[in-house]
Amino acid sequence: MKIALACDHGGFELMQYVKEHLSEKGYEYEDFGTYSTDSCDYPVFGAAAAHAVADGKCDFGIVICSTGIGISIAANKVKGVRAALCTDCYCAEMTRRHNNANILALGALVVGRGLALKIVDTFLSSCFDGGRHERRVSLLSDIEEGRL
């Protein structure tokens, strides 16, 4: 499994912990930046990770900004991406199980390091339930295509 990573300056410090954690767990990842706490524009980095997931270069993504809101909006602009902002493990599990989310968004100023790493683990270890949820996820594609 390969994971696309991206953050802005507000998420940079938390991303360093996420990268260390992923390495310890044996996950492969590609870091799409940013690479410092210098002020930058979250859409640039969120889009880069989202394209890597949508194009199949990476299986999942993790994107981080101060609240997680802006970078999740940016990632969700990419066709085929279902980015979910999660602030607890239950949401991380359910977005994988019911929404087949392929990108996890985190807010560095919203969740602490310990919780963030648990959310990452939960997201990456949870699987899509399929069944009735498959139809609903397909409807999301219909929205992207302008059919709904």
Foldseek 3Di string as FASTA:
>chain_A
DEEEEEEFLQCQVLVVLVVVLCVVVPYHYDYQDDDHNPGDDLLVRLCVRLCCCQVVVGVAYEYEHQALPPSQVSSVVDQPADEDEDLALVSLQCCQAQQVHRYYTYHPNRHDNVRVNSSVVSNVPHHHNDDPSVVVNVVVNCVVVVND
